[in-house]
């Protein structure tokens, strides 16, 4: 019974439920952006034919990031079309993915709408840029052209991930400091 009461103490008020939701969602997305930064740093090191195939061998090791899993699914399909994007998204769906997306949606419903909309818009534009470069990579005529496209893709990926991670870390630390003052 003591354990039940202890667990209940984390969720016994609206503010505590809200705080725990913010912490869970923030940590999940910080984790995602960290994996993406590691992935794009590794992609940035691709300079030639040999390093490209070495990179492709280790790409499956980055399965902690949903964006990278989605990209891997798209690459395995071979072309970019709305059907392949939809199929890749469906292949990505798992119980953990659904749970994280539901928690993220719950967070967005109770958060500052303007900031969430701007952050979401930035991330959609960033992902759209990644898909454009991925599509250009599918239509490249040579390995050298593909390596150049992947190099540019890694720069855009690093910038987008770093900006998003920096913003999330700033807001997370700001939130944690605010929570400490209200205790």
C-alpha atoms as a PDB file:
ATOM      1  CA  UNK A   1       0.000   0.000   0.000  1.00  0.00           C
ATOM      2  CA  UNK A   2       2.899   2.362   0.670  1.00  0.00           C
ATOM      3  CA  UNK A   3       4.173   1.896  -2.869  1.00  0.00           C
ATOM      4  CA  UNK A   4       0.712   2.677  -4.276  1.00  0.00           C
ATOM      5  CA  UNK A   5       0.519   5.860  -2.181  1.00  0.00           C
ATOM      6  CA  UNK A   6       4.017   6.840  -3.242  1.00  0.00           C
ATOM      7  CA  UNK A   7       3.148   6.376  -6.937  1.00  0.00           C
ATOM      8  CA  UNK A   8      -0.142   8.199  -6.439  1.00  0.00           C
ATOM      9  CA  UNK A   9       1.720  11.171  -4.966  1.00  0.00           C
ATOM     10  CA  UNK A  10       3.270  11.814  -8.397  1.00  0.00           C
ATOM     11  CA  UNK A  11      -0.128  12.153 -10.078  1.00  0.00           C
ATOM     12  CA  UNK A  12      -2.517  13.387  -7.384  1.00  0.00           C
ATOM     13  CA  UNK A  13      -2.976  16.914  -8.735  1.00  0.00           C
ATOM     14  CA  UNK A  14      -3.412  18.558 -12.102  1.00  0.00           C
ATOM     15  CA  UNK A  15      -0.095  20.416 -11.782  1.00  0.00           C
ATOM     16  CA  UNK A  16       1.812  17.212 -11.010  1.00  0.00           C
ATOM     17  CA  UNK A  17       0.236  15.377 -13.950  1.00  0.00           C
ATOM     18  CA  UNK A  18       1.037  18.331 -16.218  1.00  0.00           C
ATOM     19  CA  UNK A  19       4.624  18.527 -14.927  1.00  0.00           C
ATOM     20  CA  UNK A  20       5.190  14.781 -15.413  1.00  0.00           C
ATOM     21  CA  UNK A  21       3.710  14.923 -18.918  1.00  0.00           C
ATOM     22  CA  UNK A  22       6.018  17.797 -19.864  1.00  0.00           C
ATOM     23  CA  UNK A  23       9.026  15.949 -18.456  1.00  0.00           C
ATOM     24  CA  UNK A  24       8.191  12.697 -20.284  1.00  0.00           C
ATOM     25  CA  UNK A  25       7.535  14.370 -23.630  1.00  0.00           C
ATOM     26  CA  UNK A  26      10.585  16.612 -23.363  1.00  0.00           C
ATOM     27  CA  UNK A  27      12.900  13.737 -22.493  1.00  0.00           C
ATOM     28  CA  UNK A  28      11.518  11.642 -25.347  1.00  0.00           C
ATOM     29  CA  UNK A  29      12.105  14.367 -27.927  1.00  0.00           C
ATOM     30  CA  UNK A  30      15.519  15.283 -26.499  1.00  0.00           C
ATOM     31  CA  UNK A  31      16.440  11.603 -26.893  1.00  0.00           C
ATOM     32  CA  UNK A  32      15.202  11.631 -30.490  1.00  0.00           C
ATOM     33  CA  UNK A  33      17.180  14.751 -31.411  1.00  0.00           C
ATOM     34  CA  UNK A  34      20.356  13.418 -29.770  1.00  0.00           C
ATOM     35  CA  UNK A  35      20.179  10.273 -31.900  1.00  0.00           C
ATOM     36  CA  UNK A  36      19.520  12.376 -34.998  1.00  0.00           C
ATOM     37  CA  UNK A  37      22.559  14.549 -34.292  1.00  0.00           C
ATOM     38  CA  UNK A  38      24.731  11.446 -33.918  1.00  0.00           C
ATOM     39  CA  UNK A  39      23.314  10.073 -37.168  1.00  0.00           C
ATOM     40  CA  UNK A  40      23.860  13.281 -39.146  1.00  0.00           C
ATOM     41  CA  UNK A  41      27.389  13.678 -37.740  1.00  0.00           C
ATOM     42  CA  UNK A  42      28.165  10.197 -39.009  1.00  0.00           C
ATOM     43  CA  UNK A  43      26.536  11.000 -42.366  1.00  0.00           C
ATOM     44  CA  UNK A  44      28.598  14.197 -42.568  1.00  0.00           C
ATOM     45  CA  UNK A  45      31.743  12.028 -42.600  1.00  0.00           C
ATOM     46  CA  UNK A  46      30.699  10.289 -45.827  1.00  0.00           C
ATOM     47  CA  UNK A  47      33.150  11.518 -48.457  1.00  0.00           C
ATOM     48  CA  UNK A  48      33.503   8.735 -51.020  1.00  0.00           C
ATOM     49  CA  UNK A  49      32.239   5.386 -52.260  1.00  0.00           C
ATOM     50  CA  UNK A  50      33.859   3.314 -49.488  1.00  0.00           C
ATOM     51  CA  UNK A  51      32.676   5.545 -46.637  1.00  0.00           C
ATOM     52  CA  UNK A  52      29.157   5.547 -48.125  1.00  0.00           C
ATOM     53  CA  UNK A  53      28.877   1.768 -47.962  1.00  0.00           C
ATOM     54  CA  UNK A  54      30.498   1.689 -44.529  1.00  0.00           C
ATOM     55  CA  UNK A  55      27.833   4.173 -43.428  1.00  0.00           C
ATOM     56  CA  UNK A  56      25.053   2.033 -44.934  1.00  0.00           C
ATOM     57  CA  UNK A  57      26.299  -0.964 -42.929  1.00  0.00           C
ATOM     58  CA  UNK A  58      25.992   0.882 -39.617  1.00  0.00           C
ATOM     59  CA  UNK A  59      22.784   2.773 -40.451  1.00  0.00           C
ATOM     60  CA  UNK A  60      20.605   0.076 -38.914  1.00  0.00           C
ATOM     61  CA  UNK A  61      22.227   0.822 -35.545  1.00  0.00           C
ATOM     62  CA  UNK A  62      20.312   4.102 -35.269  1.00  0.00           C
ATOM     63  CA  UNK A  63      16.909   2.558 -34.676  1.00  0.00           C
ATOM     64  CA  UNK A  64      16.260   4.656 -31.551  1.00  0.00           C
ATOM     65  CA  UNK A  65      15.226   7.595 -33.710  1.00  0.00           C
ATOM     66  CA  UNK A  66      11.886   7.416 -35.494  1.00  0.00           C
ATOM     67  CA  UNK A  67      12.992   9.885 -38.185  1.00  0.00           C
ATOM     68  CA  UNK A  68      15.984   7.710 -39.010  1.00  0.00           C
ATOM     69  CA  UNK A  69      13.825   4.567 -39.071  1.00  0.00           C
ATOM     70  CA  UNK A  70      11.444   6.385 -41.429  1.00  0.00           C
ATOM     71  CA  UNK A  71      14.360   7.413 -43.664  1.00  0.00           C
ATOM     72  CA  UNK A  72      15.715   3.874 -43.646  1.00  0.00           C
ATOM     73  CA  UNK A  73      12.291   2.561 -44.714  1.00  0.00           C
ATOM     74  CA  UNK A  74      12.166   5.140 -47.519  1.00  0.00           C
ATOM     75  CA  UNK A  75      15.638   4.189 -48.724  1.00  0.00           C
ATOM     76  CA  UNK A  76      14.711   0.509 -48.727  1.00  0.00           C
ATOM     77  CA  UNK A  77      11.652   1.310 -50.913  1.00  0.00           C
ATOM     78  CA  UNK A  78      13.930   2.895 -53.538  1.00  0.00           C
ATOM     79  CA  UNK A  79      11.704   5.785 -54.653  1.00  0.00           C
ATOM     80  CA  UNK A  80       9.789   8.641 -53.127  1.00  0.00           C
ATOM     81  CA  UNK A  81       6.054   8.740 -53.690  1.00  0.00           C
ATOM     82  CA  UNK A  82       3.053   9.405 -51.500  1.00  0.00           C
ATOM     83  CA  UNK A  83       2.321   5.681 -51.384  1.00  0.00           C
ATOM     84  CA  UNK A  84       5.879   4.853 -50.271  1.00  0.00           C
ATOM     85  CA  UNK A  85       5.785   7.621 -47.663  1.00  0.00           C
ATOM     86  CA  UNK A  86       2.505   6.240 -46.323  1.00  0.00           C
ATOM     87  CA  UNK A  87       3.796   2.657 -46.312  1.00  0.00           C
ATOM     88  CA  UNK A  88       6.986   3.728 -44.537  1.00  0.00           C
ATOM     89  CA  UNK A  89       4.975   5.566 -41.926  1.00  0.00           C
ATOM     90  CA  UNK A  90       2.724   2.549 -41.362  1.00  0.00           C
ATOM     91  CA  UNK A  91       5.798   0.289 -41.037  1.00  0.00           C
ATOM     92  CA  UNK A  92       7.104   2.669 -38.363  1.00  0.00           C
ATOM     93  CA  UNK A  93       4.035   2.426 -36.148  1.00  0.00           C
ATOM     94  CA  UNK A  94       4.550   0.464 -32.965  1.00  0.00           C
ATOM     95  CA  UNK A  95       3.087   0.562 -29.480  1.00  0.00           C
ATOM     96  CA  UNK A  96       5.913   2.761 -28.184  1.00  0.00           C
ATOM     97  CA  UNK A  97       5.582   5.121 -31.157  1.00  0.00           C
ATOM     98  CA  UNK A  98       1.825   5.442 -30.627  1.00  0.00           C
ATOM     99  CA  UNK A  99       2.269   6.038 -26.903  1.00  0.00           C
ATOM    100  CA  UNK A 100       4.867   8.748 -27.501  1.00  0.00           C
ATOM    101  CA  UNK A 101       2.733  10.433 -30.146  1.00  0.00           C
ATOM    102  CA  UNK A 102      -0.341  10.362 -27.874  1.00  0.00           C
ATOM    103  CA  UNK A 103       1.672  11.907 -25.044  1.00  0.00           C
ATOM    104  CA  UNK A 104       3.054  14.524 -27.437  1.00  0.00           C
ATOM    105  CA  UNK A 105      -0.452  15.382 -28.651  1.00  0.00           C
ATOM    106  CA  UNK A 106      -1.672  15.661 -25.047  1.00  0.00           C
ATOM    107  CA  UNK A 107       1.236  17.977 -24.321  1.00  0.00           C
ATOM    108  CA  UNK A 108       0.460  20.116 -27.379  1.00  0.00           C
ATOM    109  CA  UNK A 109      -3.175  20.464 -26.353  1.00  0.00           C
ATOM    110  CA  UNK A 110      -2.262  22.007 -23.007  1.00  0.00           C
ATOM    111  CA  UNK A 111       0.826  24.019 -24.086  1.00  0.00           C
ATOM    112  CA  UNK A 112       1.254  27.543 -25.397  1.00  0.00           C
ATOM    113  CA  UNK A 113      -0.339  27.209 -28.835  1.00  0.00           C
ATOM    114  CA  UNK A 114       1.779  29.839 -30.593  1.00  0.00           C
ATOM    115  CA  UNK A 115       5.103  28.318 -29.518  1.00  0.00           C
ATOM    116  CA  UNK A 116       3.973  24.781 -30.312  1.00  0.00           C
ATOM    117  CA  UNK A 117       2.739  25.838 -33.756  1.00  0.00           C
ATOM    118  CA  UNK A 118       6.007  27.623 -34.556  1.00  0.00           C
ATOM    119  CA  UNK A 119       8.119  24.718 -33.314  1.00  0.00           C
ATOM    120  CA  UNK A 120       5.999  22.195 -35.232  1.00  0.00           C
ATOM    121  CA  UNK A 121       6.114  24.335 -38.391  1.00  0.00           C
ATOM    122  CA  UNK A 122       9.905  24.570 -38.143  1.00  0.00           C
ATOM    123  CA  UNK A 123      10.191  20.797 -37.748  1.00  0.00           C
ATOM    124  CA  UNK A 124       7.824  20.089 -40.656  1.00  0.00           C
ATOM    125  CA  UNK A 125       9.786  22.440 -42.916  1.00  0.00           C
ATOM    126  CA  UNK A 126      13.017  20.805 -41.778  1.00  0.00           C
ATOM    127  CA  UNK A 127      11.658  17.303 -42.476  1.00  0.00           C
ATOM    128  CA  UNK A 128      10.306  18.501 -45.835  1.00  0.00           C
ATOM    129  CA  UNK A 129      13.828  19.696 -46.709  1.00  0.00           C
ATOM    130  CA  UNK A 130      15.230  16.305 -45.722  1.00  0.00           C
ATOM    131  CA  UNK A 131      12.681  14.509 -47.914  1.00  0.00           C
ATOM    132  CA  UNK A 132      13.555  16.785 -50.851  1.00  0.00           C
ATOM    133  CA  UNK A 133      17.255  15.967 -50.488  1.00  0.00           C
ATOM    134  CA  UNK A 134      16.432  12.280 -50.054  1.00  0.00           C
ATOM    135  CA  UNK A 135      14.416  12.422 -53.292  1.00  0.00           C
ATOM    136  CA  UNK A 136      17.279  14.169 -55.061  1.00  0.00           C
ATOM    137  CA  UNK A 137      19.568  11.402 -53.826  1.00  0.00           C
ATOM    138  CA  UNK A 138      17.345   8.791 -55.468  1.00  0.00           C
ATOM    139  CA  UNK A 139      17.689  10.558 -58.800  1.00  0.00           C
ATOM    140  CA  UNK A 140      21.447  11.132 -58.652  1.00  0.00           C
ATOM    141  CA  UNK A 141      23.377  10.011 -61.699  1.00  0.00           C
ATOM    142  CA  UNK A 142      26.612   9.041 -59.964  1.00  0.00           C
ATOM    143  CA  UNK A 143      28.007   8.065 -56.586  1.00  0.00           C
ATOM    144  CA  UNK A 144      29.889  11.367 -56.372  1.00  0.00           C
ATOM    145  CA  UNK A 145      26.654  13.296 -56.888  1.00  0.00           C
ATOM    146  CA  UNK A 146      24.951  11.137 -54.243  1.00  0.00           C
ATOM    147  CA  UNK A 147      27.770  11.773 -51.764  1.00  0.00           C
ATOM    148  CA  UNK A 148      27.442  15.531 -52.354  1.00  0.00           C
ATOM    149  CA  UNK A 149      23.682  15.367 -51.804  1.00  0.00           C
ATOM    150  CA  UNK A 150      24.137  13.297 -48.633  1.00  0.00           C
ATOM    151  CA  UNK A 151      26.730  15.777 -47.397  1.00  0.00           C
ATOM    152  CA  UNK A 152      24.250  18.643 -47.889  1.00  0.00           C
ATOM    153  CA  UNK A 153      21.520  16.536 -46.294  1.00  0.00           C
ATOM    154  CA  UNK A 154      23.712  15.997 -43.245  1.00  0.00           C
ATOM    155  CA  UNK A 155      24.319  19.742 -42.897  1.00  0.00           C
ATOM    156  CA  UNK A 156      20.588  20.491 -43.009  1.00  0.00           C
ATOM    157  CA  UNK A 157      19.910  17.598 -40.633  1.00  0.00           C
ATOM    158  CA  UNK A 158      22.553  18.769 -38.178  1.00  0.00           C
ATOM    159  CA  UNK A 159      21.284  22.342 -38.227  1.00  0.00           C
ATOM    160  CA  UNK A 160      17.657  21.343 -37.768  1.00  0.00           C
ATOM    161  CA  UNK A 161      18.409  18.807 -35.044  1.00  0.00           C
ATOM    162  CA  UNK A 162      20.755  21.159 -33.197  1.00  0.00           C
ATOM    163  CA  UNK A 163      18.269  24.050 -33.283  1.00  0.00           C
ATOM    164  CA  UNK A 164      15.415  21.815 -32.119  1.00  0.00           C
ATOM    165  CA  UNK A 165      17.528  20.176 -29.426  1.00  0.00           C
ATOM    166  CA  UNK A 166      18.837  23.527 -28.217  1.00  0.00           C
ATOM    167  CA  UNK A 167      15.338  24.947 -28.001  1.00  0.00           C
ATOM    168  CA  UNK A 168      14.005  21.886 -26.175  1.00  0.00           C
ATOM    169  CA  UNK A 169      16.916  21.841 -23.726  1.00  0.00           C
ATOM    170  CA  UNK A 170      16.480  25.552 -23.023  1.00  0.00           C
ATOM    171  CA  UNK A 171      12.751  25.156 -22.397  1.00  0.00           C
ATOM    172  CA  UNK A 172      13.287  21.988 -20.342  1.00  0.00           C
ATOM    173  CA  UNK A 173      15.864  23.631 -18.069  1.00  0.00           C
ATOM    174  CA  UNK A 174      13.681  26.724 -17.791  1.00  0.00           C
ATOM    175  CA  UNK A 175      10.717  24.538 -16.832  1.00  0.00           C
ATOM    176  CA  UNK A 176      12.743  22.558 -14.278  1.00  0.00           C
ATOM    177  CA  UNK A 177      14.000  25.780 -12.666  1.00  0.00           C
ATOM    178  CA  UNK A 178      10.429  27.075 -12.470  1.00  0.00           C
ATOM    179  CA  UNK A 179       9.276  23.827 -10.857  1.00  0.00           C
ATOM    180  CA  UNK A 180      12.001  24.049  -8.211  1.00  0.00           C
ATOM    181  CA  UNK A 181      10.985  27.594  -7.281  1.00  0.00           C
ATOM    182  CA  UNK A 182       7.321  26.626  -6.838  1.00  0.00           C
ATOM    183  CA  UNK A 183       8.014  23.720  -4.466  1.00  0.00           C
END
